[in-house]
Amino acid sequence: MAIDAMEQAALVGTAFGGLLRRWRNARRLSQLELSLSSEVSQRHLSFLESGRGHPSREMVLHLCDCLDIPLRDRNALLQAAGFAQAFRCSQLDADGMVPVLDALKLILEHHDPFPALVVDRDWNLLMANRGWANLLSLAGEPEALWQRTCGDGARNVVRLCFHADGLRPLIANWEAVAPAILERLHKELAASPSAGLATIIRELQHDHSIPSRWHHLEPGQPLAPVLPIELSAGGAELRLFSMISTFGTPQDITTDELRVETFFPADAGSDGLLRNISGAG
């Protein structure tokens, strides 16, 4: 049975209102707090969340800005409100992405002989430099390593790190590194829901070798700016710290979801070892 225009508008409003309320709760904001930060009346926000009010396209984008919603999810809110998507999702090798791809290649190349890689929001590997391949070689032949940890699926850096046949046995400070990685994963999932990332977290939650307490976060605690990592393989000791960078003002979903992780030597010995492995010493 067909529905009239008023019923259609009510359904659209309810769909948008549910998403808006979900994001407001995810950001731990009351309606009053969002009202103050967005300069939109609390009454109007209440109407939007209940479906009694219908937002303009500009209002949807304004509230997305105030809630710092990822671009992929901004499209979902726009569609829920009855508007066309505003942000493209381009392949990394598309013509319009050439400047981004060139910039990523330059970052990776200039970071050699130290490891650097590019991942998507689910931590699937997109690009890496020779330094990263050299680091993996400490755990064995890189292709065989990926096959053991990820099979024929996407090359996922989280699975590589946590797998018993991956990098995990090499990480000497595992009890410090693993909880820090899990904390980042949980916070990233809360900030930007992803079915792929949720699947990985569930896998790790069912891994009985990982203490359940490592999955419990202290609310409001910021992530550490760097992650110290100590690797031990074949008598070699390697001390690194890693940093994660993102694009500051992306206008494409793919760019919005890119993560660049760069590793740096934490001491002179580690610097020399990385250079020797690469032949740059």
C-alpha atoms as a PDB file:
ATOM      1  CA  MET A   1       0.000   0.000   0.000  1.00  0.00           C
ATOM      2  CA  ALA A   2       1.399   3.410  -0.940  1.00  0.00           C
ATOM      3  CA  ILE A   3       2.143   5.948   1.767  1.00  0.00           C
ATOM      4  CA  ASP A   4       1.380   9.651   1.423  1.00  0.00           C
ATOM      5  CA  ALA A   5       3.904  12.502   1.539  1.00  0.00           C
ATOM      6  CA  MET A   6       3.332  13.223   5.235  1.00  0.00           C
ATOM      7  CA  GLU A   7       3.949   9.600   6.208  1.00  0.00           C
ATOM      8  CA  GLN A   8       7.061   9.514   4.026  1.00  0.00           C
ATOM      9  CA  ALA A   9       8.389  12.667   5.701  1.00  0.00           C
ATOM     10  CA  ALA A  10       7.730  11.167   9.132  1.00  0.00           C
ATOM     11  CA  LEU A  11       9.652   8.000   8.220  1.00  0.00           C
ATOM     12  CA  VAL A  12      12.568  10.052   6.909  1.00  0.00           C
ATOM     13  CA  GLY A  13      12.594  12.225  10.030  1.00  0.00           C
ATOM     14  CA  THR A  14      12.566   9.193  12.315  1.00  0.00           C
ATOM     15  CA  ALA A  15      15.469   7.580  10.451  1.00  0.00           C
ATOM     16  CA  PHE A  16      17.556  10.740  10.688  1.00  0.00           C
ATOM     17  CA  GLY A  17      16.569  11.333  14.309  1.00  0.00           C
ATOM     18  CA  GLY A  18      17.707   7.871  15.345  1.00  0.00           C
ATOM     19  CA  LEU A  19      21.117   8.340  13.731  1.00  0.00           C
ATOM     20  CA  LEU A  20      21.524  11.806  15.222  1.00  0.00           C
ATOM     21  CA  ARG A  21      20.710  10.540  18.705  1.00  0.00           C
ATOM     22  CA  ARG A  22      23.120   7.603  18.269  1.00  0.00           C
ATOM     23  CA  TRP A  23      25.977   9.919  17.298  1.00  0.00           C
ATOM     24  CA  ARG A  24      25.206  12.366  20.093  1.00  0.00           C
ATOM     25  CA  ASN A  25      25.326   9.513  22.594  1.00  0.00           C
ATOM     26  CA  ALA A  26      28.530   8.185  21.040  1.00  0.00           C
ATOM     27  CA  ARG A  27      30.097  11.589  21.625  1.00  0.00           C
ATOM     28  CA  ARG A  28      28.808  11.527  25.235  1.00  0.00           C
ATOM     29  CA  LEU A  29      26.845  14.746  24.800  1.00  0.00           C
ATOM     30  CA  SER A  30      23.475  15.693  26.232  1.00  0.00           C
ATOM     31  CA  GLN A  31      20.972  17.519  24.055  1.00  0.00           C
ATOM     32  CA  LEU A  32      21.767  20.661  26.027  1.00  0.00           C
ATOM     33  CA  GLU A  33      25.521  20.307  25.423  1.00  0.00           C
ATOM     34  CA  LEU A  34      24.999  19.769  21.699  1.00  0.00           C
ATOM     35  CA  SER A  35      22.599  22.692  21.639  1.00  0.00           C
ATOM     36  CA  LEU A  36      25.224  24.989  23.161  1.00  0.00           C
ATOM     37  CA  SER A  37      28.059  23.828  20.902  1.00  0.00           C
ATOM     38  CA  SER A  38      25.952  23.889  17.718  1.00  0.00           C
ATOM     39  CA  GLU A  39      23.927  27.031  18.567  1.00  0.00           C
ATOM     40  CA  VAL A  40      20.761  25.103  17.717  1.00  0.00           C
ATOM     41  CA  SER A  41      17.953  25.261  20.257  1.00  0.00           C
ATOM     42  CA  GLN A  42      17.501  22.222  22.479  1.00  0.00           C
ATOM     43  CA  ARG A  43      13.821  22.159  21.515  1.00  0.00           C
ATOM     44  CA  HIS A  44      14.708  21.931  17.828  1.00  0.00           C
ATOM     45  CA  LEU A  45      17.228  19.153  18.505  1.00  0.00           C
ATOM     46  CA  SER A  46      14.584  17.282  20.460  1.00  0.00           C
ATOM     47  CA  PHE A  47      12.189  17.601  17.517  1.00  0.00           C
ATOM     48  CA  LEU A  48      14.846  16.359  15.103  1.00  0.00           C
ATOM     49  CA  GLU A  49      15.707  13.327  17.237  1.00  0.00           C
ATOM     50  CA  SER A  50      12.063  12.377  17.765  1.00  0.00           C
ATOM     51  CA  GLY A  51      11.237  12.710  14.074  1.00  0.00           C
ATOM     52  CA  ARG A  52       8.790  15.562  14.651  1.00  0.00           C
ATOM     53  CA  GLY A  53      11.142  17.946  12.874  1.00  0.00           C
ATOM     54  CA  HIS A  54      12.885  17.640   9.521  1.00  0.00           C
ATOM     55  CA  PRO A  55      16.367  19.133   9.027  1.00  0.00           C
ATOM     56  CA  SER A  56      17.591  21.102   6.041  1.00  0.00           C
ATOM     57  CA  ARG A  57      20.640  19.826   4.201  1.00  0.00           C
ATOM     58  CA  GLU A  58      22.683  22.624   5.744  1.00  0.00           C
ATOM     59  CA  MET A  59      21.497  21.640   9.232  1.00  0.00           C
ATOM     60  CA  VAL A  60      22.540  18.028   8.681  1.00  0.00           C
ATOM     61  CA  LEU A  61      26.052  19.067   7.632  1.00  0.00           C
ATOM     62  CA  HIS A  62      26.276  21.595  10.474  1.00  0.00           C
ATOM     63  CA  LEU A  63      25.404  18.999  13.110  1.00  0.00           C
ATOM     64  CA  CYS A  64      27.843  16.544  11.500  1.00  0.00           C
ATOM     65  CA  ASP A  65      30.577  19.162  11.863  1.00  0.00           C
ATOM     66  CA  CYS A  66      29.683  19.754  15.509  1.00  0.00           C
ATOM     67  CA  LEU A  67      29.710  16.011  16.241  1.00  0.00           C
ATOM     68  CA  ASP A  68      32.897  15.398  14.216  1.00  0.00           C
ATOM     69  CA  ILE A  69      31.214  12.625  12.230  1.00  0.00           C
ATOM     70  CA  PRO A  70      33.349  10.806   9.604  1.00  0.00           C
ATOM     71  CA  LEU A  71      32.525  11.530   5.970  1.00  0.00           C
ATOM     72  CA  ARG A  72      31.144   8.057   5.233  1.00  0.00           C
ATOM     73  CA  ASP A  73      28.653   8.455   8.069  1.00  0.00           C
ATOM     74  CA  ARG A  74      27.788  12.027   7.040  1.00  0.00           C
ATOM     75  CA  ASN A  75      26.555  10.549   3.773  1.00  0.00           C
ATOM     76  CA  ALA A  76      24.399   8.129   5.773  1.00  0.00           C
ATOM     77  CA  LEU A  77      22.830  10.976   7.760  1.00  0.00           C
ATOM     78  CA  LEU A  78      22.194  12.964   4.586  1.00  0.00           C
ATOM     79  CA  GLN A  79      20.472   9.974   2.992  1.00  0.00           C
ATOM     80  CA  ALA A  80      18.453   9.315   6.147  1.00  0.00           C
ATOM     81  CA  ALA A  81      17.250  12.931   5.964  1.00  0.00           C
ATOM     82  CA  GLY A  82      16.251  12.490   2.316  1.00  0.00           C
ATOM     83  CA  PHE A  83      19.211  14.237   0.658  1.00  0.00           C
ATOM     84  CA  ALA A  84      21.835  13.110  -1.830  1.00  0.00           C
ATOM     85  CA  GLN A  85      25.278  12.102  -0.614  1.00  0.00           C
ATOM     86  CA  ALA A  86      27.824  14.912  -0.448  1.00  0.00           C
ATOM     87  CA  PHE A  87      31.111  13.002  -0.309  1.00  0.00           C
ATOM     88  CA  ARG A  88      32.652  10.698  -2.882  1.00  0.00           C
ATOM     89  CA  CYS A  89      34.427   7.433  -2.128  1.00  0.00           C
ATOM     90  CA  SER A  90      37.168   7.168  -4.749  1.00  0.00           C
ATOM     91  CA  GLN A  91      39.529   4.313  -5.397  1.00  0.00           C
ATOM     92  CA  LEU A  92      43.038   5.211  -4.278  1.00  0.00           C
ATOM     93  CA  ASP A  93      44.305   4.718  -7.835  1.00  0.00           C
ATOM     94  CA  ALA A  94      41.557   6.862  -9.419  1.00  0.00           C
ATOM     95  CA  ASP A  95      42.585   9.837 -11.560  1.00  0.00           C
ATOM     96  CA  GLY A  96      41.309  12.359  -9.024  1.00  0.00           C
ATOM     97  CA  MET A  97      43.368  10.746  -6.268  1.00  0.00           C
ATOM     98  CA  VAL A  98      46.717  11.122  -8.047  1.00  0.00           C
ATOM     99  CA  PRO A  99      47.910  13.979  -5.785  1.00  0.00           C
ATOM    100  CA  VAL A 100      47.013  11.980  -2.675  1.00  0.00           C
ATOM    101  CA  LEU A 101      48.685   8.846  -4.002  1.00  0.00           C
ATOM    102  CA  ASP A 102      51.809  10.781  -4.969  1.00  0.00           C
ATOM    103  CA  ALA A 103      51.954  12.354  -1.512  1.00  0.00           C
ATOM    104  CA  LEU A 104      51.663   8.951   0.169  1.00  0.00           C
ATOM    105  CA  LYS A 105      54.396   7.489  -2.042  1.00  0.00           C
ATOM    106  CA  LEU A 106      56.635  10.429  -1.178  1.00  0.00           C
ATOM    107  CA  ILE A 107      56.041   9.965   2.570  1.00  0.00           C
ATOM    108  CA  LEU A 108      56.828   6.254   2.389  1.00  0.00           C
ATOM    109  CA  GLU A 109      59.881   6.707   0.194  1.00  0.00           C
ATOM    110  CA  HIS A 110      61.377   9.488   2.305  1.00  0.00           C
ATOM    111  CA  HIS A 111      60.869   7.488   5.499  1.00  0.00           C
ATOM    112  CA  ASP A 112      63.093   4.635   4.299  1.00  0.00           C
ATOM    113  CA  PRO A 113      65.028   2.846   5.736  1.00  0.00           C
ATOM    114  CA  PHE A 114      62.576   3.136   8.626  1.00  0.00           C
ATOM    115  CA  PRO A 115      59.234   1.301   8.337  1.00  0.00           C
ATOM    116  CA  ALA A 116      56.101   3.121   7.179  1.00  0.00           C
ATOM    117  CA  LEU A 117      52.724   1.906   5.938  1.00  0.00           C
ATOM    118  CA  VAL A 118      49.295   3.130   4.870  1.00  0.00           C
ATOM    119  CA  VAL A 119      46.135   1.400   6.081  1.00  0.00           C
ATOM    120  CA  ASP A 120      42.381   1.930   5.770  1.00  0.00           C
ATOM    121  CA  ARG A 121      40.000   2.328   8.705  1.00  0.00           C
ATOM    122  CA  ASP A 122      39.913  -1.460   9.249  1.00  0.00           C
ATOM    123  CA  TRP A 123      43.731  -1.582   9.326  1.00  0.00           C
ATOM    124  CA  ASN A 124      43.990  -3.367   5.987  1.00  0.00           C
ATOM    125  CA  LEU A 125      47.349  -2.690   4.360  1.00  0.00           C
ATOM    126  CA  LEU A 126      47.178  -0.416   1.303  1.00  0.00           C
ATOM    127  CA  MET A 127      50.794   0.641   0.813  1.00  0.00           C
ATOM    128  CA  ALA A 128      54.146   0.123   2.534  1.00  0.00           C
ATOM    129  CA  ASN A 129      57.794   0.988   2.018  1.00  0.00           C
ATOM    130  CA  ARG A 130      60.870  -1.232   1.907  1.00  0.00           C
ATOM    131  CA  GLY A 131      61.573  -0.506   5.547  1.00  0.00           C
ATOM    132  CA  TRP A 132      58.294  -2.219   6.483  1.00  0.00           C
ATOM    133  CA  ALA A 133      59.172  -5.286   4.392  1.00  0.00           C
ATOM    134  CA  ASN A 134      62.589  -5.391   6.065  1.00  0.00           C
ATOM    135  CA  LEU A 135      60.934  -5.261   9.484  1.00  0.00           C
ATOM    136  CA  LEU A 136      58.648  -8.176   8.578  1.00  0.00           C
ATOM    137  CA  SER A 137      61.668 -10.162   7.407  1.00  0.00           C
ATOM    138  CA  LEU A 138      62.759 -10.408  11.054  1.00  0.00           C
ATOM    139  CA  ALA A 139      59.786 -12.756  11.542  1.00  0.00           C
ATOM    140  CA  GLY A 140      60.394 -14.731   8.340  1.00  0.00           C
ATOM    141  CA  GLU A 141      59.668 -14.423   4.650  1.00  0.00           C
ATOM    142  CA  PRO A 142      57.071 -11.621   4.366  1.00  0.00           C
ATOM    143  CA  GLU A 143      54.765 -13.341   1.852  1.00  0.00           C
ATOM    144  CA  ALA A 144      54.684 -16.519   3.946  1.00  0.00           C
ATOM    145  CA  LEU A 145      54.085 -14.406   7.050  1.00  0.00           C
ATOM    146  CA  TRP A 146      51.027 -12.761   5.497  1.00  0.00           C
ATOM    147  CA  GLN A 147      49.710 -16.133   4.336  1.00  0.00           C
ATOM    148  CA  ARG A 148      50.042 -17.598   7.837  1.00  0.00           C
ATOM    149  CA  THR A 149      48.257 -14.714   9.532  1.00  0.00           C
ATOM    150  CA  CYS A 150      45.677 -13.557   6.991  1.00  0.00           C
ATOM    151  CA  GLY A 151      45.363 -16.406   4.507  1.00  0.00           C
ATOM    152  CA  ASP A 152      43.969 -15.279   1.181  1.00  0.00           C
ATOM    153  CA  GLY A 153      42.022 -12.418   2.767  1.00  0.00           C
ATOM    154  CA  ALA A 154      42.982  -8.781   3.111  1.00  0.00           C
ATOM    155  CA  ARG A 155      46.395  -8.164   4.625  1.00  0.00           C
ATOM    156  CA  ASN A 156      45.336  -6.856   8.008  1.00  0.00           C
ATOM    157  CA  VAL A 157      47.993  -5.310  10.223  1.00  0.00           C
ATOM    158  CA  VAL A 158      46.073  -5.995  13.457  1.00  0.00           C
ATOM    159  CA  ARG A 159      45.766  -9.699  12.662  1.00  0.00           C
ATOM    160  CA  LEU A 160      49.448  -9.730  11.716  1.00  0.00           C
ATOM    161  CA  CYS A 161      50.410  -8.260  15.099  1.00  0.00           C
ATOM    162  CA  PHE A 162      48.153 -10.426  17.285  1.00  0.00           C
ATOM    163  CA  HIS A 163      48.550 -13.752  15.492  1.00  0.00           C
ATOM    164  CA  ALA A 164      50.683 -16.355  17.275  1.00  0.00           C
ATOM    165  CA  ASP A 165      52.481 -16.999  13.967  1.00  0.00           C
ATOM    166  CA  GLY A 166      52.822 -13.295  13.169  1.00  0.00           C
ATOM    167  CA  LEU A 167      54.695 -10.482  14.874  1.00  0.00           C
ATOM    168  CA  ARG A 168      53.399 -11.259  18.349  1.00  0.00           C
ATOM    169  CA  PRO A 169      56.270 -13.600  19.386  1.00  0.00           C
ATOM    170  CA  LEU A 170      58.795 -10.906  18.425  1.00  0.00           C
ATOM    171  CA  ILE A 171      57.272  -8.116  20.527  1.00  0.00           C
ATOM    172  CA  ALA A 172      59.224  -8.173  23.797  1.00  0.00           C
ATOM    173  CA  ASN A 173      56.977  -5.612  25.523  1.00  0.00           C
ATOM    174  CA  TRP A 174      53.785  -7.348  24.407  1.00  0.00           C
ATOM    175  CA  GLU A 175      51.912  -6.663  27.657  1.00  0.00           C
ATOM    176  CA  ALA A 176      52.338  -2.937  27.054  1.00  0.00           C
ATOM    177  CA  VAL A 177      51.838  -2.910  23.286  1.00  0.00           C
ATOM    178  CA  ALA A 178      48.756  -5.147  23.012  1.00  0.00           C
ATOM    179  CA  PRO A 179      46.511  -3.194  25.450  1.00  0.00           C
ATOM    180  CA  ALA A 180      47.532   0.076  23.757  1.00  0.00           C
ATOM    181  CA  ILE A 181      46.569  -1.290  20.335  1.00  0.00           C
ATOM    182  CA  LEU A 182      43.263  -2.631  21.672  1.00  0.00           C
ATOM    183  CA  GLU A 183      42.509   0.732  23.268  1.00  0.00           C
ATOM    184  CA  ARG A 184      43.007   2.458  19.925  1.00  0.00           C
ATOM    185  CA  LEU A 185      40.807  -0.095  18.132  1.00  0.00           C
ATOM    186  CA  HIS A 186      37.955   0.291  20.606  1.00  0.00           C
ATOM    187  CA  LYS A 187      38.129   4.090  20.459  1.00  0.00           C
ATOM    188  CA  GLU A 188      38.283   4.093  16.666  1.00  0.00           C
ATOM    189  CA  LEU A 189      35.230   1.831  16.525  1.00  0.00           C
ATOM    190  CA  ALA A 190      33.339   4.137  18.895  1.00  0.00           C
ATOM    191  CA  ALA A 191      34.346   7.185  16.854  1.00  0.00           C
ATOM    192  CA  SER A 192      33.494   5.633  13.480  1.00  0.00           C
ATOM    193  CA  PRO A 193      31.452   2.392  13.432  1.00  0.00           C
ATOM    194  CA  SER A 194      32.879  -0.162  11.011  1.00  0.00           C
ATOM    195  CA  ALA A 195      31.701  -3.727  10.450  1.00  0.00           C
ATOM    196  CA  GLY A 196      35.225  -4.798   9.489  1.00  0.00           C
ATOM    197  CA  LEU A 197      36.829  -3.347  12.601  1.00  0.00           C
ATOM    198  CA  ALA A 198      34.037  -4.724  14.798  1.00  0.00           C
ATOM    199  CA  THR A 199      34.728  -8.208  13.383  1.00  0.00           C
ATOM    200  CA  ILE A 200      38.428  -7.939  14.215  1.00  0.00           C
ATOM    201  CA  ILE A 201      37.687  -6.810  17.767  1.00  0.00           C
ATOM    202  CA  ARG A 202      35.271  -9.717  18.252  1.00  0.00           C
ATOM    203  CA  GLU A 203      37.973 -12.115  17.067  1.00  0.00           C
ATOM    204  CA  LEU A 204      40.388 -10.706  19.621  1.00  0.00           C
ATOM    205  CA  GLN A 205      37.764 -10.827  22.374  1.00  0.00           C
ATOM    206  CA  HIS A 206      37.382 -14.559  21.697  1.00  0.00           C
ATOM    207  CA  ASP A 207      41.148 -15.111  21.837  1.00  0.00           C
ATOM    208  CA  HIS A 208      41.619 -16.622  25.300  1.00  0.00           C
ATOM    209  CA  SER A 209      45.309 -15.723  25.303  1.00  0.00           C
ATOM    210  CA  ILE A 210      44.317 -12.039  25.494  1.00  0.00           C
ATOM    211  CA  PRO A 211      43.168 -10.968  28.991  1.00  0.00           C
ATOM    212  CA  SER A 212      39.631  -9.594  28.925  1.00  0.00           C
ATOM    213  CA  ARG A 213      40.728  -6.615  31.046  1.00  0.00           C
ATOM    214  CA  TRP A 214      42.731  -5.336  28.080  1.00  0.00           C
ATOM    215  CA  HIS A 215      39.435  -4.648  26.312  1.00  0.00           C
ATOM    216  CA  HIS A 216      38.079  -2.451  29.114  1.00  0.00           C
ATOM    217  CA  LEU A 217      38.839   1.233  28.638  1.00  0.00           C
ATOM    218  CA  GLU A 218      39.035   4.077  31.077  1.00  0.00           C
ATOM    219  CA  PRO A 219      36.476   6.606  29.768  1.00  0.00           C
ATOM    220  CA  GLY A 220      37.901   9.945  28.768  1.00  0.00           C
ATOM    221  CA  GLN A 221      41.514   8.795  28.735  1.00  0.00           C
ATOM    222  CA  PRO A 222      43.351  10.144  25.645  1.00  0.00           C
ATOM    223  CA  LEU A 223      45.497   7.862  23.529  1.00  0.00           C
ATOM    224  CA  ALA A 224      49.248   8.131  24.018  1.00  0.00           C
ATOM    225  CA  PRO A 225      50.874  10.204  21.243  1.00  0.00           C
ATOM    226  CA  VAL A 226      53.435   7.481  20.472  1.00  0.00           C
ATOM    227  CA  LEU A 227      53.636   3.720  21.013  1.00  0.00           C
ATOM    228  CA  PRO A 228      57.022   2.276  22.116  1.00  0.00           C
ATOM    229  CA  ILE A 229      57.701  -1.172  20.643  1.00  0.00           C
ATOM    230  CA  GLU A 230      60.558  -3.526  21.493  1.00  0.00           C
ATOM    231  CA  LEU A 231      61.311  -6.355  19.065  1.00  0.00           C
ATOM    232  CA  SER A 232      63.599  -9.306  19.670  1.00  0.00           C
ATOM    233  CA  ALA A 233      64.550 -11.692  16.876  1.00  0.00           C
ATOM    234  CA  GLY A 234      67.619 -13.812  16.201  1.00  0.00           C
ATOM    235  CA  GLY A 235      69.594 -12.141  18.950  1.00  0.00           C
ATOM    236  CA  ALA A 236      68.836  -8.677  17.566  1.00  0.00           C
ATOM    237  CA  GLU A 237      67.126  -6.094  19.753  1.00  0.00           C
ATOM    238  CA  LEU A 238      65.120  -3.382  18.029  1.00  0.00           C
ATOM    239  CA  ARG A 239      63.495  -0.491  19.872  1.00  0.00           C
ATOM    240  CA  LEU A 240      61.017   1.632  17.948  1.00  0.00           C
ATOM    241  CA  PHE A 241      58.180   4.033  18.514  1.00  0.00           C
ATOM    242  CA  SER A 242      55.305   4.541  16.112  1.00  0.00           C
ATOM    243  CA  MET A 243      53.151   7.538  15.217  1.00  0.00           C
ATOM    244  CA  ILE A 244      49.860   7.589  13.322  1.00  0.00           C
ATOM    245  CA  SER A 245      48.910  10.442  11.004  1.00  0.00           C
ATOM    246  CA  THR A 246      45.674  11.273   9.203  1.00  0.00           C
ATOM    247  CA  PHE A 247      44.636  13.848   6.608  1.00  0.00           C
ATOM    248  CA  GLY A 248      43.488  17.049   8.290  1.00  0.00           C
ATOM    249  CA  THR A 249      40.831  18.327   5.843  1.00  0.00           C
ATOM    250  CA  PRO A 250      39.728  15.424   3.631  1.00  0.00           C
ATOM    251  CA  GLN A 251      36.906  15.862   1.122  1.00  0.00           C
ATOM    252  CA  ASP A 252      36.814  12.246  -0.032  1.00  0.00           C
ATOM    253  CA  ILE A 253      35.826   9.251   2.095  1.00  0.00           C
ATOM    254  CA  THR A 254      38.891   7.254   1.096  1.00  0.00           C
ATOM    255  CA  THR A 255      41.213  10.080   2.144  1.00  0.00           C
ATOM    256  CA  ASP A 256      39.240  10.566   5.367  1.00  0.00           C
ATOM    257  CA  GLU A 257      39.813   6.933   6.327  1.00  0.00           C
ATOM    258  CA  LEU A 258      43.518   6.676   5.490  1.00  0.00           C
ATOM    259  CA  ARG A 259      46.014   6.143   8.303  1.00  0.00           C
ATOM    260  CA  VAL A 260      49.771   6.538   7.858  1.00  0.00           C
ATOM    261  CA  GLU A 261      51.833   4.754  10.512  1.00  0.00           C
ATOM    262  CA  THR A 262      55.514   5.620  10.680  1.00  0.00           C
ATOM    263  CA  PHE A 263      58.097   3.882  12.850  1.00  0.00           C
ATOM    264  CA  PHE A 264      61.200   5.564  14.223  1.00  0.00           C
ATOM    265  CA  PRO A 265      64.282   4.096  15.935  1.00  0.00           C
ATOM    266  CA  ALA A 266      64.317   4.794  19.674  1.00  0.00           C
ATOM    267  CA  ASP A 267      68.084   4.520  20.033  1.00  0.00           C
ATOM    268  CA  ALA A 268      71.306   4.541  17.999  1.00  0.00           C
ATOM    269  CA  GLY A 269      71.558   0.753  17.951  1.00  0.00           C
ATOM    270  CA  SER A 270      68.093   0.386  16.433  1.00  0.00           C
ATOM    271  CA  ASP A 271      68.875   3.098  13.897  1.00  0.00           C
ATOM    272  CA  GLY A 272      71.995   1.227  12.807  1.00  0.00           C
ATOM    273  CA  LEU A 273      70.219  -2.122  12.651  1.00  0.00           C
ATOM    274  CA  LEU A 274      67.469  -0.784  10.391  1.00  0.00           C
ATOM    275  CA  ARG A 275      70.027   0.837   8.119  1.00  0.00           C
ATOM    276  CA  ASN A 276      72.101  -2.352   7.960  1.00  0.00           C
ATOM    277  CA  ILE A 277      69.069  -4.499   7.118  1.00  0.00           C
ATOM    278  CA  SER A 278      68.206  -2.137   4.282  1.00  0.00           C
ATOM    279  CA  GLY A 279      71.773  -1.869   3.044  1.00  0.00           C
ATOM    280  CA  ALA A 280      71.793   1.853   3.786  1.00  0.00           C
ATOM    281  CA  GLY A 281      74.265   1.574   6.683  1.00  0.00           C
END
